[in-house]
Every structure is written in C-alpha cells, then in structure tokens.
C-alpha atoms as a PDB file:
ATOM      1  CA  PRO A   1    -133.131  18.497 -29.884  1.00  0.00           C
ATOM      2  CA  GLY A   2    -133.477  16.011 -26.673  1.00  0.00           C
ATOM      3  CA  MET A   3    -132.755  13.066 -25.230  1.00  0.00           C
ATOM      4  CA  GLU A   4    -135.656  11.418 -23.484  1.00  0.00           C
ATOM      5  CA  GLY A   5    -136.195  12.335 -20.083  1.00  0.00           C
ATOM      6  CA  THR A   6    -133.608  15.254 -20.197  1.00  0.00           C
ATOM      7  CA  ALA A   7    -134.365  18.680 -20.346  1.00  0.00           C
ATOM      8  CA  TRP A   8    -132.845  21.295 -22.620  1.00  0.00           C
ATOM      9  CA  GLU A   9    -133.037  24.716 -23.462  1.00  0.00           C
ATOM     10  CA  TRP A  10    -132.063  27.207 -26.019  1.00  0.00           C
ATOM     11  CA  GLY A  11    -128.711  29.351 -24.884  1.00  0.00           C
ATOM     12  CA  GLY A  12    -125.370  30.375 -25.142  1.00  0.00           C
ATOM     13  CA  CYS A  13    -124.674  32.632 -27.965  1.00  0.00           C
ATOM     14  CA  GLY A  14    -125.632  31.149 -31.059  1.00  0.00           C
ATOM     15  CA  ASP A  15    -124.317  32.371 -34.780  1.00  0.00           C
ATOM     16  CA  ASP A  16    -126.804  34.855 -36.026  1.00  0.00           C
ATOM     17  CA  VAL A  17    -126.743  33.869 -39.366  1.00  0.00           C
ATOM     18  CA  GLN A  18    -129.724  36.032 -40.388  1.00  0.00           C
ATOM     19  CA  PHE A  19    -127.547  39.188 -39.734  1.00  0.00           C
ATOM     20  CA  GLY A  20    -124.829  37.737 -42.250  1.00  0.00           C
ATOM     21  CA  TYR A  21    -127.466  36.915 -44.649  1.00  0.00           C
ATOM     22  CA  GLU A  22    -128.667  40.387 -44.617  1.00  0.00           C
ATOM     23  CA  LYS A  23    -125.505  42.088 -44.376  1.00  0.00           C
ATOM     24  CA  SER A  24    -124.053  40.269 -47.253  1.00  0.00           C
ATOM     25  CA  GLN A  25    -127.355  40.735 -49.578  1.00  0.00           C
ATOM     26  CA  GLN A  26    -126.771  44.399 -48.881  1.00  0.00           C
ATOM     27  CA  PHE A  27    -122.914  44.294 -49.771  1.00  0.00           C
ATOM     28  CA  MET A  28    -122.845  41.597 -52.421  1.00  0.00           C
ATOM     29  CA  ASP A  29    -126.186  42.159 -54.450  1.00  0.00           C
ATOM     30  CA  ALA A  30    -126.449  46.140 -54.300  1.00  0.00           C
ATOM     31  CA  LYS A  31    -124.471  46.200 -57.672  1.00  0.00           C
ATOM     32  CA  SER A  32    -126.087  43.833 -59.371  1.00  0.00           C
ATOM     33  CA  LYS A  33    -129.241  44.882 -58.826  1.00  0.00           C
ATOM     34  CA  LYS A  34    -128.849  47.994 -60.556  1.00  0.00           C
ATOM     35  CA  GLY A  35    -128.690  46.312 -63.610  1.00  0.00           C
ATOM     36  CA  LYS A  36    -131.122  43.375 -62.961  1.00  0.00           C
ATOM     37  CA  ASN A  37    -132.566  42.903 -66.699  1.00  0.00           C
ATOM     38  CA  ASP A  38    -128.796  42.115 -67.179  1.00  0.00           C
ATOM     39  CA  ILE A  39    -128.097  38.228 -67.791  1.00  0.00           C
ATOM     40  CA  ARG A  40    -124.811  38.980 -65.676  1.00  0.00           C
ATOM     41  CA  ALA A  41    -126.479  40.508 -63.041  1.00  0.00           C
ATOM     42  CA  LEU A  42    -129.368  38.062 -62.930  1.00  0.00           C
ATOM     43  CA  ILE A  43    -126.552  35.208 -62.642  1.00  0.00           C
ATOM     44  CA  ASP A  44    -124.606  36.578 -60.129  1.00  0.00           C
ATOM     45  CA  LEU A  45    -127.756  37.528 -57.659  1.00  0.00           C
ATOM     46  CA  HIS A  46    -128.783  34.054 -58.084  1.00  0.00           C
ATOM     47  CA  ASN A  47    -125.089  32.690 -57.515  1.00  0.00           C
ATOM     48  CA  ASN A  48    -124.983  35.051 -54.755  1.00  0.00           C
ATOM     49  CA  GLU A  49    -127.960  33.651 -52.846  1.00  0.00           C
ATOM     50  CA  ALA A  50    -126.573  29.697 -53.985  1.00  0.00           C
ATOM     51  CA  GLY A  51    -123.432  30.867 -51.762  1.00  0.00           C
ATOM     52  CA  ARG A  52    -125.412  32.174 -49.110  1.00  0.00           C
ATOM     53  CA  LEU A  53    -127.781  29.443 -48.578  1.00  0.00           C
ATOM     54  CA  ALA A  54    -124.711  27.063 -48.764  1.00  0.00           C
ATOM     55  CA  VAL A  55    -124.329  28.439 -44.904  1.00  0.00           C
ATOM     56  CA  ARG A  56    -127.670  28.966 -43.797  1.00  0.00           C
ATOM     57  CA  SER A  57    -129.642  25.957 -45.033  1.00  0.00           C
ATOM     58  CA  TYR A  58    -126.842  23.811 -42.985  1.00  0.00           C
ATOM     59  CA  MET A  59    -126.713  25.196 -39.775  1.00  0.00           C
ATOM     60  CA  ARG A  60    -125.897  22.566 -36.990  1.00  0.00           C
ATOM     61  CA  THR A  61    -126.991  22.198 -33.863  1.00  0.00           C
ATOM     62  CA  GLU A  62    -124.526  21.746 -30.699  1.00  0.00           C
ATOM     63  CA  CYS A  63    -125.432  21.127 -26.911  1.00  0.00           C
ATOM     64  CA  LYS A  64    -123.534  21.113 -23.944  1.00  0.00           C
ATOM     65  CA  CYS A  65    -124.744  18.741 -20.576  1.00  0.00           C
ATOM     66  CA  HIS A  66    -125.018  20.199 -17.667  1.00  0.00           C
ATOM     67  CA  GLY A  67    -125.742  18.059 -14.060  1.00  0.00           C
ATOM     68  CA  LEU A  68    -123.804  16.727 -10.701  1.00  0.00           C
ATOM     69  CA  SER A  69    -121.094  13.748 -12.116  1.00  0.00           C
ATOM     70  CA  GLY A  70    -121.636  14.429 -15.948  1.00  0.00           C
ATOM     71  CA  SER A  71    -124.785  13.550 -15.826  1.00  0.00           C
ATOM     72  CA  CYS A  72    -127.057  15.536 -18.615  1.00  0.00           C
ATOM     73  CA  THR A  73    -129.884  16.550 -16.636  1.00  0.00           C
ATOM     74  CA  LEU A  74    -130.222  19.940 -18.482  1.00  0.00           C
ATOM     75  CA  ARG A  75    -128.502  20.660 -21.727  1.00  0.00           C
ATOM     76  CA  THR A  76    -128.501  23.886 -23.459  1.00  0.00           C
ATOM     77  CA  CYS A  77    -127.941  24.007 -27.226  1.00  0.00           C
ATOM     78  CA  TRP A  78    -127.278  26.656 -30.084  1.00  0.00           C
ATOM     79  CA  ARG A  79    -126.768  27.007 -33.437  1.00  0.00           C
ATOM     80  CA  LYS A  80    -123.609  26.900 -35.430  1.00  0.00           C
ATOM     81  CA  MET A  81    -122.573  27.603 -39.088  1.00  0.00           C
ATOM     82  CA  PRO A  82    -120.883  24.554 -41.028  1.00  0.00           C
ATOM     83  CA  HIS A  83    -117.196  23.937 -41.283  1.00  0.00           C
ATOM     84  CA  PHE A  84    -116.030  26.311 -43.853  1.00  0.00           C
ATOM     85  CA  ARG A  85    -114.772  23.010 -45.758  1.00  0.00           C
ATOM     86  CA  GLU A  86    -117.881  21.393 -45.432  1.00  0.00           C
ATOM     87  CA  VAL A  87    -119.307  24.792 -47.296  1.00  0.00           C
ATOM     88  CA  GLY A  88    -116.677  24.783 -49.937  1.00  0.00           C
ATOM     89  CA  ASP A  89    -117.035  21.101 -50.581  1.00  0.00           C
ATOM     90  CA  ARG A  90    -120.758  21.608 -51.082  1.00  0.00           C
ATOM     91  CA  LEU A  91    -120.151  24.707 -53.614  1.00  0.00           C
ATOM     92  CA  LEU A  92    -117.445  22.542 -55.316  1.00  0.00           C
ATOM     93  CA  GLU A  93    -120.036  19.895 -55.991  1.00  0.00           C
ATOM     94  CA  ARG A  94    -122.276  22.403 -57.217  1.00  0.00           C
ATOM     95  CA  PHE A  95    -119.624  24.424 -59.099  1.00  0.00           C
ATOM     96  CA  ASN A  96    -119.203  20.909 -60.751  1.00  0.00           C
ATOM     97  CA  GLY A  97    -122.671  20.291 -62.212  1.00  0.00           C
ATOM     98  CA  ALA A  98    -122.913  23.843 -63.031  1.00  0.00           C
ATOM     99  CA  PHE A  99    -126.124  24.440 -64.920  1.00  0.00           C
ATOM    100  CA  LYS A 100    -126.088  26.623 -68.472  1.00  0.00           C
ATOM    101  CA  VAL A 101    -128.581  29.361 -69.040  1.00  0.00           C
ATOM    102  CA  MET A 102    -129.715  32.056 -71.202  1.00  0.00           C
ATOM    103  CA  GLY A 103    -131.873  35.063 -70.668  1.00  0.00           C
ATOM    104  CA  GLY A 104    -135.877  34.922 -71.472  1.00  0.00           C
ATOM    105  CA  ASN A 105    -137.672  36.851 -73.401  1.00  0.00           C
ATOM    106  CA  ASP A 106    -138.698  39.191 -70.759  1.00  0.00           C
ATOM    107  CA  GLY A 107    -135.427  39.997 -69.422  1.00  0.00           C
ATOM    108  CA  LYS A 108    -136.202  38.987 -65.850  1.00  0.00           C
ATOM    109  CA  THR A 109    -136.036  35.020 -66.226  1.00  0.00           C
ATOM    110  CA  LEU A 110    -133.463  32.476 -66.917  1.00  0.00           C
ATOM    111  CA  ILE A 111    -133.879  29.410 -68.820  1.00  0.00           C
ATOM    112  CA  PRO A 112    -131.650  26.227 -68.730  1.00  0.00           C
ATOM    113  CA  VAL A 113    -129.882  25.115 -72.287  1.00  0.00           C
ATOM    114  CA  GLY A 114    -130.464  21.992 -73.704  1.00  0.00           C
ATOM    115  CA  GLU A 115    -133.518  19.636 -73.814  1.00  0.00           C
ATOM    116  CA  ASN A 116    -135.021  17.732 -70.999  1.00  0.00           C
ATOM    117  CA  ILE A 117    -133.147  19.727 -68.173  1.00  0.00           C
ATOM    118  CA  LYS A 118    -134.696  20.481 -65.056  1.00  0.00           C
ATOM    119  CA  PRO A 119    -134.543  23.924 -64.171  1.00  0.00           C
ATOM    120  CA  PRO A 120    -131.892  25.088 -61.597  1.00  0.00           C
ATOM    121  CA  ASP A 121    -133.357  25.299 -57.704  1.00  0.00           C
ATOM    122  CA  LYS A 122    -131.620  28.079 -55.258  1.00  0.00           C
ATOM    123  CA  GLN A 123    -128.945  26.184 -54.301  1.00  0.00           C
ATOM    124  CA  ASP A 124    -127.782  25.431 -58.087  1.00  0.00           C
ATOM    125  CA  LEU A 125    -125.036  27.334 -59.404  1.00  0.00           C
ATOM    126  CA  ILE A 126    -125.422  28.587 -63.037  1.00  0.00           C
ATOM    127  CA  TYR A 127    -123.537  30.201 -65.682  1.00  0.00           C
ATOM    128  CA  SER A 128    -124.309  31.449 -69.372  1.00  0.00           C
ATOM    129  CA  ALA A 129    -120.955  31.700 -71.524  1.00  0.00           C
ATOM    130  CA  ASP A 130    -118.251  28.683 -71.696  1.00  0.00           C
ATOM    131  CA  SER A 131    -115.189  28.989 -69.798  1.00  0.00           C
ATOM    132  CA  PRO A 132    -111.995  29.472 -72.535  1.00  0.00           C
ATOM    133  CA  ASP A 133    -109.602  27.124 -73.521  1.00  0.00           C
ATOM    134  CA  PHE A 134    -106.689  28.249 -71.462  1.00  0.00           C
ATOM    135  CA  CYS A 135    -104.892  25.214 -72.987  1.00  0.00           C
ATOM    136  CA  SER A 136    -103.629  26.655 -76.116  1.00  0.00           C
ATOM    137  CA  ALA A 137    -102.651  30.230 -76.883  1.00  0.00           C
ATOM    138  CA  ASN A 138    -105.129  32.411 -78.261  1.00  0.00           C
ATOM    139  CA  ARG A 139    -104.601  36.405 -77.996  1.00  0.00           C
ATOM    140  CA  LYS A 140    -108.410  37.446 -78.039  1.00  0.00           C
ATOM    141  CA  THR A 141    -108.547  35.933 -74.204  1.00  0.00           C
ATOM    142  CA  GLY A 142    -104.974  36.752 -73.452  1.00  0.00           C
ATOM    143  CA  SER A 143    -104.397  32.753 -72.714  1.00  0.00           C
ATOM    144  CA  LEU A 144    -100.475  31.898 -73.544  1.00  0.00           C
ATOM    145  CA  GLY A 145    -101.431  28.190 -72.998  1.00  0.00           C
ATOM    146  CA  THR A 146     -99.934  25.718 -71.154  1.00  0.00           C
ATOM    147  CA  ARG A 147     -96.979  24.412 -74.081  1.00  0.00           C
ATOM    148  CA  GLY A 148     -93.495  24.819 -72.415  1.00  0.00           C
ATOM    149  CA  ARG A 149     -94.879  25.451 -68.793  1.00  0.00           C
ATOM    150  CA  VAL A 150     -92.845  24.323 -65.781  1.00  0.00           C
ATOM    151  CA  CYS A 151     -95.270  20.863 -64.300  1.00  0.00           C
ATOM    152  CA  ASN A 152     -94.598  18.575 -61.838  1.00  0.00           C
ATOM    153  CA  SER A 153     -94.572  15.084 -62.827  1.00  0.00           C
ATOM    154  CA  THR A 154     -95.555  13.422 -59.644  1.00  0.00           C
ATOM    155  CA  ALA A 155     -98.354  15.793 -58.408  1.00  0.00           C
ATOM    156  CA  MET A 156    -101.902  14.971 -58.577  1.00  0.00           C
ATOM    157  CA  ASP A 157    -103.502  18.315 -58.231  1.00  0.00           C
ATOM    158  CA  THR A 158    -103.344  21.683 -60.679  1.00  0.00           C
ATOM    159  CA  SER A 159     -99.245  21.749 -60.701  1.00  0.00           C
ATOM    160  CA  GLY A 160     -99.408  18.090 -61.861  1.00  0.00           C
ATOM    161  CA  CYS A 161     -98.526  17.280 -65.829  1.00  0.00           C
ATOM    162  CA  ASP A 162    -101.648  15.155 -66.153  1.00  0.00           C
ATOM    163  CA  LEU A 163    -103.970  18.537 -65.712  1.00  0.00           C
ATOM    164  CA  LEU A 164    -101.471  21.449 -66.720  1.00  0.00           C
ATOM    165  CA  CYS A 165    -100.306  19.900 -69.753  1.00  0.00           C
ATOM    166  CA  CYS A 166    -104.151  19.442 -70.707  1.00  0.00           C
ATOM    167  CA  GLY A 167    -103.447  15.558 -71.889  1.00  0.00           C
ATOM    168  CA  ARG A 168    -100.460  16.570 -74.583  1.00  0.00           C
ATOM    169  CA  GLY A 169     -97.899  14.883 -72.179  1.00  0.00           C
ATOM    170  CA  HIS A 170     -94.383  16.282 -70.855  1.00  0.00           C
ATOM    171  CA  ARG A 171     -90.624  16.085 -71.544  1.00  0.00           C
ATOM    172  CA  ASP A 172     -88.144  16.122 -68.851  1.00  0.00           C
ATOM    173  CA  GLU A 173     -85.239  18.280 -69.340  1.00  0.00           C
ATOM    174  CA  THR A 174     -81.913  18.903 -67.289  1.00  0.00           C
ATOM    175  CA  VAL A 175     -80.868  22.724 -67.240  1.00  0.00           C
ATOM    176  CA  VAL A 176     -78.234  24.499 -65.453  1.00  0.00           C
ATOM    177  CA  LEU A 177     -79.007  27.716 -63.335  1.00  0.00           C
ATOM    178  CA  GLU A 178     -76.676  29.941 -61.811  1.00  0.00           C
ATOM    179  CA  GLU A 179     -77.825  30.607 -58.097  1.00  0.00           C
ATOM    180  CA  ASN A 180     -76.061  32.617 -55.301  1.00  0.00           C
ATOM    181  CA  CYS A 181     -73.962  30.485 -52.820  1.00  0.00           C
ATOM    182  CA  LEU A 182     -71.430  30.562 -50.122  1.00  0.00           C
ATOM    183  CA  CYS A 183     -73.041  33.951 -48.866  1.00  0.00           C
ATOM    184  CA  ARG A 184     -71.124  35.519 -46.043  1.00  0.00           C
ATOM    185  CA  PHE A 185     -71.778  39.087 -44.057  1.00  0.00           C
ATOM    186  CA  HIS A 186     -69.204  41.305 -44.028  1.00  0.00           C
ATOM    187  CA  TRP A 187     -69.307  44.132 -41.227  1.00  0.00           C
ATOM    188  CA  CYS A 188     -70.665  46.458 -41.630  1.00  0.00           C
ATOM    189  CA  CYS A 189     -73.202  45.848 -43.451  1.00  0.00           C
ATOM    190  CA  VAL A 190     -72.733  43.679 -46.820  1.00  0.00           C
ATOM    191  CA  VAL A 191     -73.479  39.984 -48.078  1.00  0.00           C
ATOM    192  CA  GLN A 192     -71.215  38.850 -50.728  1.00  0.00           C
ATOM    193  CA  CYS A 193     -72.221  35.639 -52.255  1.00  0.00           C
ATOM    194  CA  ARG A 194     -70.338  33.539 -54.938  1.00  0.00           C
ATOM    195  CA  LYS A 195     -72.328  32.320 -58.207  1.00  0.00           C
ATOM    196  CA  CYS A 196     -72.406  28.508 -58.221  1.00  0.00           C
ATOM    197  CA  SER A 197     -74.243  26.678 -61.288  1.00  0.00           C
ATOM    198  CA  VAL A 198     -77.050  23.963 -60.010  1.00  0.00           C
ATOM    199  CA  ARG A 199     -78.210  21.103 -62.429  1.00  0.00           C
ATOM    200  CA  GLN A 200     -81.964  20.615 -62.312  1.00  0.00           C
ATOM    201  CA  GLU A 201     -84.320  18.250 -63.865  1.00  0.00           C
ATOM    202  CA  LEU A 202     -87.669  20.247 -64.902  1.00  0.00           C
ATOM    203  CA  SER A 203     -90.562  18.402 -66.693  1.00  0.00           C
ATOM    204  CA  LEU A 204     -92.030  20.714 -69.114  1.00  0.00           C
ATOM    205  CA  CYS A 205     -95.694  20.437 -71.083  1.00  0.00           C
ATOM    206  CA  VAL A 206     -95.443  19.682 -74.760  1.00  0.00           C
END
C-alpha cells in the first residue's frame, strides 16, 4: 500500500490473526467435529467459521511515516485486527439475516429451507430451529412470558415497554415500597437503619 514516490516496508508487530484462527479452530470446533454428521454439529462448525472470517477477512493496514520534519520518505506498515465493535456489528447484521437450513440425506450437507433461496456462503450465519416465543408463558420451554414484567416506558432498547411487552402495551402503577433510610454507624461495628415508605411509579407489561 503506498503513496507514489514513497518507499514502504512491512514492519512493526502485526496482529498474528492466523495463529488465533488456528487456535480457535482447535478450541471451538473440537467438540462439534466428534459429531460432525449431526445437524447441530454441522451448524456449529459453520457458524464458528463465520465468526472467525468476520475477523480475518477484514484485517486493516496501518502505517507510520518516517522522515525529517514529518516527511514521509519511508512508511512502515503492519496488519491489525478490525475493531471489535465493527466485528460485532457485522455479525449482528448476519444474525438478523440468518438462513434457516435442514440436514441433507447424506448427513454431511446443509440445505436452505424455502424456495428460490440461495445457499448461505461461509460468512453467513445459519440455524435449523425457530426460536421459541418468549412473549407468552410456555412450560415446555420454561418461559414465564413477559406479562406483569417491569419495563421502562421511555427506553428504546430491550428493556423498553415496546419490545419487552411484545406489542401488548403496558400500564402504569404506583406502589409503596419499604427501603432502608437514615442509616447510622454505631461504634463498634453496627449500622442501624430506619424503614421508610417510598412511592414509586412502575410500568408493567399487560
């Protein structure tokens, strides 16, 4: 990577992504390889590789200039891993567009479910079973549902009522709670508190 008229050389301490890639294969894939004819194992192996590629395929080059008075007569360049935020954002995008697959008859291949769907590539994430509906109580999955859960009426994230209540809405309720208050330290060595009643506004999923 160079600027015209500027010499450059590889140097510095580049991130050894290949070493990390191989160690990750040994550590993450060992258990799944034992049952590699099982669809769960095949999916785990595929998604593990997609995670590694989200790092290895997006290595970036960084350079430092050398020369008198800030001139760039020589540049030293090295390879660095992408920022973890970038890796996470990339994997989240893949997660949101994950492919549903089923096992092939040979027990070694995965086939996309649905018509006219292109096969997932190595960087796509895949799954075989739909996630259970955690909005409603379900003894089979162990889900208690979200009815009656405390939520945040102003938050836009997963703690917010819009998401946590699964579109059912929420109600506001005033409750009276007892809290420790007016605590004092007595020598030695006891902390004594009084009980105070506190009114609190809560938002609850309906």
